[in-house]
Amino acid sequence: MAKEGQIGAGAFDSITSAAQSFASRGPAPVHLWNPPYCGEIDMRIAADGTWFYQKTPIGRPALVKLFASVLKREGDRYFLVTPVEKCGLTVEDAPFLAVEMRRDAAPDRPGYSPTLHFRTNVDDWVACGNKHPLRFEPEPANGGLKPYLLVRDGLWAKVTRALFYDLVDIGEERMAGGRRMFGVASGDAFFAMAPAESLREYS
């Protein structure tokens, strides 16, 4: 039996069908949709990027990509949306993971660095820059940092630990906000990690 406020399997099928109808046309225009709220669907995106439905991992990558294409954030809440319905779901950390990175050759333009491109766990490539920035959140438990990349419209991807080490390897010191900072550059943007004087080995 569904919990109070929780919707049944019909919504799962409805959202799947709607996402499939848009899949062949390119990105779904979820930012234009403002349908009525229909309740909570028993779906969760775990901190490691795994999608669950009714506490069971969704094992089909194609289905995860479909749901990701109609994911929307409003404030601190996340929804799967179609033109006619909006269903809430749980996101433990960030809805996506950044799992691969490649670096362009340095352009022959003053003030520009090689652009960093990240692939998410749903196979979207995102060019890091002013429109898709990196941010670094402190991890009080170990004194380290958690990096995130903006994918679209308030939806972030957590950068995997392995890629974070790659970012540290290509990091550099620059003046930012009147202070010398250690960070990473991409295109004409610079994303500060920490004050240069406080550099330490993150684990």
Protein backbone atom coordinates (compact mmCIF):
# COMPACT_ATOMS: atom_id res chain seq x y z
CA MET A 1 0.00 0.00 0.00
CA ALA A 2 1.31 3.46 -0.87
CA LYS A 3 2.14 5.83 1.95
CA GLU A 4 0.04 8.92 2.48
CA GLY A 5 0.91 11.45 -0.22
CA GLN A 6 2.65 8.78 -2.30
CA ILE A 7 1.39 7.97 -5.76
CA GLY A 8 1.25 4.55 -7.37
CA ALA A 9 2.74 2.75 -10.33
CA GLY A 10 0.48 4.57 -12.77
CA ALA A 11 2.58 7.71 -12.40
CA PHE A 12 5.74 5.72 -13.14
CA ASP A 13 4.23 4.49 -16.40
CA SER A 14 2.86 7.92 -17.29
CA ILE A 15 6.18 9.69 -16.74
CA THR A 16 8.05 6.98 -18.65
CA SER A 17 5.69 7.33 -21.60
CA ALA A 18 5.94 11.12 -21.62
CA ALA A 19 9.75 11.06 -21.41
CA GLN A 20 9.91 8.58 -24.29
CA SER A 21 7.75 10.84 -26.43
CA PHE A 22 10.28 13.67 -26.06
CA ALA A 23 13.45 11.57 -26.25
CA SER A 24 13.65 11.69 -30.04
CA ARG A 25 13.13 15.47 -30.16
CA GLY A 26 16.07 16.54 -28.02
CA PRO A 27 16.09 17.85 -24.44
CA ALA A 28 12.65 18.05 -22.86
CA PRO A 29 11.71 21.70 -22.15
CA VAL A 30 11.05 21.04 -18.46
CA HIS A 31 11.82 24.68 -17.59
CA LEU A 32 8.65 25.65 -19.49
CA TRP A 33 6.39 23.15 -17.74
CA ASN A 34 4.50 24.05 -14.58
CA PRO A 35 1.96 21.25 -14.13
CA PRO A 36 0.06 20.57 -10.89
CA TYR A 37 1.79 18.62 -8.13
CA CYS A 38 0.55 15.03 -8.04
CA GLY A 39 2.32 13.68 -4.93
CA GLU A 40 5.51 11.78 -4.16
CA ILE A 41 6.73 8.90 -6.28
CA ASP A 42 8.68 6.17 -4.48
CA MET A 43 11.90 7.02 -6.27
CA ARG A 44 15.28 7.96 -4.84
CA ILE A 45 18.62 9.04 -6.26
CA ALA A 46 21.27 7.79 -3.84
CA ALA A 47 24.44 9.70 -3.03
CA ASP A 48 26.42 7.36 -5.30
CA GLY A 49 24.19 8.23 -8.28
CA THR A 50 22.10 5.03 -8.23
CA TRP A 51 18.41 5.49 -9.03
CA PHE A 52 15.93 3.41 -7.02
CA TYR A 53 12.25 2.77 -7.61
CA GLN A 54 10.32 1.15 -4.76
CA LYS A 55 13.67 0.49 -3.04
CA THR A 56 14.97 -1.51 -6.01
CA PRO A 57 17.82 -0.17 -8.18
CA ILE A 58 16.76 0.77 -11.70
CA GLY A 59 19.07 -1.49 -13.67
CA ARG A 60 18.35 -0.15 -17.15
CA PRO A 61 20.61 2.82 -18.02
CA ALA A 62 18.24 3.87 -20.81
CA LEU A 63 15.38 4.19 -18.30
CA VAL A 64 17.53 6.23 -15.92
CA LYS A 65 18.40 8.56 -18.81
CA LEU A 66 14.71 8.96 -19.60
CA PHE A 67 13.87 9.97 -16.05
CA ALA A 68 16.90 12.26 -15.87
CA SER A 69 15.65 14.08 -18.97
CA VAL A 70 12.47 15.16 -17.17
CA LEU A 71 14.07 15.97 -13.82
CA LYS A 72 13.45 19.47 -12.50
CA ARG A 73 14.51 21.37 -9.39
CA GLU A 74 12.37 23.95 -7.62
CA GLY A 75 14.03 25.45 -4.58
CA ASP A 76 15.45 22.56 -2.58
CA ARG A 77 13.04 19.99 -4.00
CA TYR A 78 13.26 17.73 -7.03
CA PHE A 79 10.49 16.57 -9.33
CA LEU A 80 9.86 14.44 -12.38
CA VAL A 81 7.67 16.52 -14.65
CA THR A 82 5.58 16.15 -17.77
CA PRO A 83 3.35 18.80 -19.34
CA VAL A 84 0.45 17.56 -17.18
CA GLU A 85 1.92 16.25 -13.88
CA LYS A 86 4.69 16.83 -11.38
CA CYS A 87 5.86 14.10 -8.98
CA GLY A 88 8.32 14.60 -6.14
CA LEU A 89 11.26 12.29 -5.54
CA THR A 90 14.16 12.07 -3.08
CA VAL A 91 17.70 13.14 -3.98
CA GLU A 92 20.24 12.33 -1.28
CA ASP A 93 23.04 14.58 -2.54
CA ALA A 94 23.28 15.65 -6.19
CA PRO A 95 21.13 14.12 -8.93
CA PHE A 96 24.07 13.37 -11.21
CA LEU A 97 27.69 12.24 -11.06
CA ALA A 98 30.52 13.58 -13.19
CA VAL A 99 32.40 10.39 -14.09
CA GLU A 100 34.79 11.34 -16.92
CA MET A 101 36.79 14.41 -17.85
CA ARG A 102 38.67 15.50 -20.93
CA ARG A 103 40.65 18.67 -21.49
CA ASP A 104 40.84 20.63 -24.72
CA ALA A 105 44.10 21.91 -26.08
CA ALA A 106 44.89 25.41 -24.82
CA PRO A 107 43.39 28.02 -27.18
CA ASP A 108 45.61 30.72 -28.62
CA ARG A 109 43.73 33.48 -26.79
CA PRO A 110 45.04 35.62 -23.92
CA GLY A 111 43.39 34.80 -20.62
CA TYR A 112 41.99 31.47 -21.77
CA SER A 113 42.85 28.02 -20.45
CA PRO A 114 41.97 24.60 -21.86
CA THR A 115 38.27 23.92 -21.45
CA LEU A 116 37.31 21.05 -19.18
CA HIS A 117 34.52 18.78 -20.42
CA PHE A 118 32.76 16.40 -18.06
CA ARG A 119 30.61 13.37 -18.85
CA THR A 120 27.82 12.61 -16.42
CA ASN A 121 26.53 9.20 -15.40
CA VAL A 122 23.63 9.70 -17.84
CA ASP A 123 26.08 10.36 -20.72
CA ASP A 124 25.63 14.11 -21.03
CA TRP A 125 28.79 16.07 -21.83
CA VAL A 126 29.05 19.46 -20.11
CA ALA A 127 31.64 22.12 -20.94
CA CYS A 128 32.77 23.70 -17.69
CA GLY A 129 32.76 27.49 -17.67
CA ASN A 130 30.82 30.50 -16.46
CA LYS A 131 27.49 28.92 -17.48
CA HIS A 132 28.43 25.55 -16.03
CA PRO A 133 30.63 26.36 -13.04
CA LEU A 134 32.40 24.17 -10.55
CA ARG A 135 31.85 24.66 -6.85
CA PHE A 136 33.72 23.14 -3.93
CA GLU A 137 31.94 22.37 -0.67
CA PRO A 138 33.82 21.64 2.58
CA GLU A 139 33.63 18.18 4.11
CA PRO A 140 33.85 18.81 7.86
CA ALA A 141 34.27 15.10 8.62
CA ASN A 142 37.69 14.89 6.96
CA GLY A 143 38.64 18.49 6.23
CA GLY A 144 38.46 17.90 2.49
CA LEU A 145 36.32 19.24 -0.31
CA LYS A 146 33.43 17.91 -2.40
CA PRO A 147 33.36 19.27 -5.97
CA TYR A 148 30.18 19.79 -7.96
CA LEU A 149 29.49 20.82 -11.58
CA LEU A 150 26.33 22.65 -12.65
CA VAL A 151 24.67 20.61 -15.39
CA ARG A 152 21.48 22.60 -15.99
CA ASP A 153 18.84 24.69 -14.25
CA GLY A 154 19.94 24.10 -10.67
CA LEU A 155 20.83 20.44 -11.24
CA TRP A 156 24.37 19.60 -10.14
CA ALA A 157 26.65 16.65 -10.67
CA LYS A 158 28.98 15.53 -7.90
CA VAL A 159 32.47 15.08 -9.30
CA THR A 160 33.90 11.68 -8.44
CA ARG A 161 36.85 11.45 -6.08
CA ALA A 162 39.13 10.21 -8.88
CA LEU A 163 38.31 13.24 -11.03
CA PHE A 164 38.78 15.53 -8.05
CA TYR A 165 42.38 14.30 -7.79
CA ASP A 166 42.76 15.06 -11.50
CA LEU A 167 41.49 18.60 -10.86
CA VAL A 168 44.00 19.06 -8.04
CA ASP A 169 46.78 17.87 -10.36
CA ILE A 170 45.98 20.59 -12.91
CA GLY A 171 45.22 23.23 -10.30
CA GLU A 172 47.02 26.55 -10.13
CA GLU A 173 47.29 29.66 -7.99
CA ARG A 174 45.62 32.91 -9.01
CA MET A 175 44.44 36.09 -7.40
CA ALA A 176 40.69 35.97 -6.82
CA GLY A 177 38.70 38.40 -4.72
CA GLY A 178 41.87 40.09 -3.58
CA ARG A 179 43.35 36.85 -2.24
CA ARG A 180 45.70 34.29 -3.65
CA MET A 181 43.67 31.13 -4.23
CA PHE A 182 44.34 27.62 -5.43
CA GLY A 183 41.81 26.41 -7.97
CA VAL A 184 41.19 25.16 -11.47
CA ALA A 185 40.74 27.09 -14.73
CA SER A 186 38.47 26.21 -17.64
CA GLY A 187 38.14 28.50 -20.64
CA ASP A 188 38.05 32.06 -19.33
CA ALA A 189 36.78 31.02 -15.88
CA PHE A 190 38.64 30.21 -12.67
CA PHE A 191 37.08 28.23 -9.84
CA ALA A 192 38.76 28.62 -6.47
CA MET A 193 39.10 25.61 -4.20
CA ALA A 194 40.88 27.06 -1.17
CA PRO A 195 43.24 29.87 -0.10
CA ALA A 196 46.71 29.08 -1.43
CA GLU A 197 48.27 29.37 2.02
CA SER A 198 45.99 26.69 3.42
CA LEU A 199 46.80 24.05 0.80
CA ARG A 200 46.78 20.54 2.13
CA GLU A 201 46.44 17.01 0.79
CA TYR A 202 42.70 16.26 0.56
CA SER A 203 41.60 12.72 1.25
